[in-house]
C-alpha atoms as a PDB file:
ATOM      1  CA  MET A   1       0.000   0.000   0.000  1.00  0.00           C
ATOM      2  CA  PRO A   2       1.549   3.371  -0.983  1.00  0.00           C
ATOM      3  CA  LYS A   3       1.848   6.214   1.466  1.00  0.00           C
ATOM      4  CA  THR A   4      -0.839   8.898   1.267  1.00  0.00           C
ATOM      5  CA  LYS A   5       0.303  12.368   0.343  1.00  0.00           C
ATOM      6  CA  THR A   6      -0.521  15.355   2.511  1.00  0.00           C
ATOM      7  CA  ASN A   7      -2.295  18.195   0.716  1.00  0.00           C
ATOM      8  CA  SER A   8       0.289  21.003   0.462  1.00  0.00           C
ATOM      9  CA  GLY A   9      -2.280  23.783   0.751  1.00  0.00           C
ATOM     10  CA  ALA A  10      -3.855  22.227   3.833  1.00  0.00           C
ATOM     11  CA  LYS A  11      -0.601  21.772   5.722  1.00  0.00           C
ATOM     12  CA  LYS A  12       0.084  25.507   5.346  1.00  0.00           C
ATOM     13  CA  ARG A  13      -3.393  26.504   6.577  1.00  0.00           C
ATOM     14  CA  PHE A  14      -4.191  24.163   9.452  1.00  0.00           C
ATOM     15  CA  ARG A  15      -2.409  23.190  12.664  1.00  0.00           C
ATOM     16  CA  LEU A  16      -3.204  20.433  15.130  1.00  0.00           C
ATOM     17  CA  THR A  17      -3.552  21.253  18.847  1.00  0.00           C
ATOM     18  CA  GLY A  18      -2.518  18.988  21.686  1.00  0.00           C
ATOM     19  CA  THR A  19      -6.098  17.894  22.307  1.00  0.00           C
ATOM     20  CA  GLY A  20      -6.695  16.922  18.666  1.00  0.00           C
ATOM     21  CA  GLU A  21      -8.579  20.037  17.581  1.00  0.00           C
ATOM     22  CA  ILE A  22      -7.625  21.712  14.305  1.00  0.00           C
ATOM     23  CA  LYS A  23      -6.719  25.412  14.425  1.00  0.00           C
ATOM     24  CA  ARG A  24      -7.333  27.757  11.499  1.00  0.00           C
ATOM     25  CA  LYS A  25      -6.948  31.433  10.654  1.00  0.00           C
ATOM     26  CA  HIS A  26      -9.839  33.775   9.934  1.00  0.00           C
ATOM     27  CA  ALA A  27     -10.499  35.028   6.421  1.00  0.00           C
ATOM     28  CA  PHE A  28     -10.966  38.710   5.432  1.00  0.00           C
ATOM     29  CA  LYS A  29      -7.847  40.033   7.223  1.00  0.00           C
ATOM     30  CA  ARG A  30      -5.516  40.416   4.212  1.00  0.00           C
ATOM     31  CA  HIS A  31      -6.493  43.577   2.342  1.00  0.00           C
ATOM     32  CA  ILE A  32      -9.222  46.238   2.030  1.00  0.00           C
ATOM     33  CA  LEU A  33      -8.857  46.865   5.770  1.00  0.00           C
ATOM     34  CA  THR A  34      -9.695  50.578   5.717  1.00  0.00           C
ATOM     35  CA  LYS A  35     -13.450  50.018   5.525  1.00  0.00           C
ATOM     36  CA  LYS A  36     -13.486  47.417   8.301  1.00  0.00           C
ATOM     37  CA  THR A  37     -13.912  48.527  11.887  1.00  0.00           C
ATOM     38  CA  THR A  38     -11.121  48.177  14.429  1.00  0.00           C
ATOM     39  CA  LYS A  39     -13.246  45.737  16.421  1.00  0.00           C
ATOM     40  CA  GLN A  40     -13.812  43.540  13.371  1.00  0.00           C
ATOM     41  CA  LYS A  41     -10.090  43.465  12.524  1.00  0.00           C
ATOM     42  CA  ARG A  42      -9.171  42.704  16.131  1.00  0.00           C
ATOM     43  CA  ASN A  43     -11.614  39.796  16.310  1.00  0.00           C
ATOM     44  CA  LEU A  44     -10.286  38.351  13.039  1.00  0.00           C
ATOM     45  CA  THR A  45      -6.767  38.258  14.513  1.00  0.00           C
ATOM     46  CA  HIS A  46      -7.443  35.346  16.861  1.00  0.00           C
ATOM     47  CA  ASP A  47      -7.259  31.767  15.618  1.00  0.00           C
ATOM     48  CA  GLY A  48     -10.444  29.774  15.290  1.00  0.00           C
ATOM     49  CA  LEU A  49     -11.213  26.060  15.330  1.00  0.00           C
ATOM     50  CA  VAL A  50     -12.448  24.010  12.405  1.00  0.00           C
ATOM     51  CA  ALA A  51     -16.174  23.257  12.715  1.00  0.00           C
ATOM     52  CA  PRO A  52     -17.130  19.639  13.536  1.00  0.00           C
ATOM     53  CA  PRO A  53     -18.778  18.955  10.132  1.00  0.00           C
ATOM     54  CA  ASP A  54     -15.540  19.967   8.346  1.00  0.00           C
ATOM     55  CA  LYS A  55     -13.147  18.181  10.687  1.00  0.00           C
ATOM     56  CA  ASN A  56     -13.153  14.844   8.825  1.00  0.00           C
ATOM     57  CA  ASN A  57     -12.417  16.508   5.465  1.00  0.00           C
ATOM     58  CA  VAL A  58      -9.492  18.477   6.894  1.00  0.00           C
ATOM     59  CA  LYS A  59      -8.072  15.374   8.600  1.00  0.00           C
ATOM     60  CA  LEU A  60      -8.148  13.545   5.264  1.00  0.00           C
ATOM     61  CA  LEU A  61      -6.255  16.409   3.605  1.00  0.00           C
ATOM     62  CA  LEU A  62      -3.663  16.389   6.376  1.00  0.00           C
ATOM     63  CA  GLY A  63      -3.236  12.617   6.183  1.00  0.00           C
ATOM     64  CA  LEU A  64      -4.412  12.057   9.745  1.00  0.00           C
ATOM     65  CA  LYS A  65      -7.145   9.603   8.839  1.00  0.00           C
END
């Protein structure tokens, strides 16, 4: 059985925590920031977690399943 390849885009975007959750960054924080409020930009700074329905798909891309 050949080894499964990790998706290169996924390994740059997701990180595994110690408890098995998958961390992700928020979208909409790259450009066109002048029209967004300071509160919105500040809240987009913090990492989020992948939602439970998407977790299996991300694990497949990362080769964890």
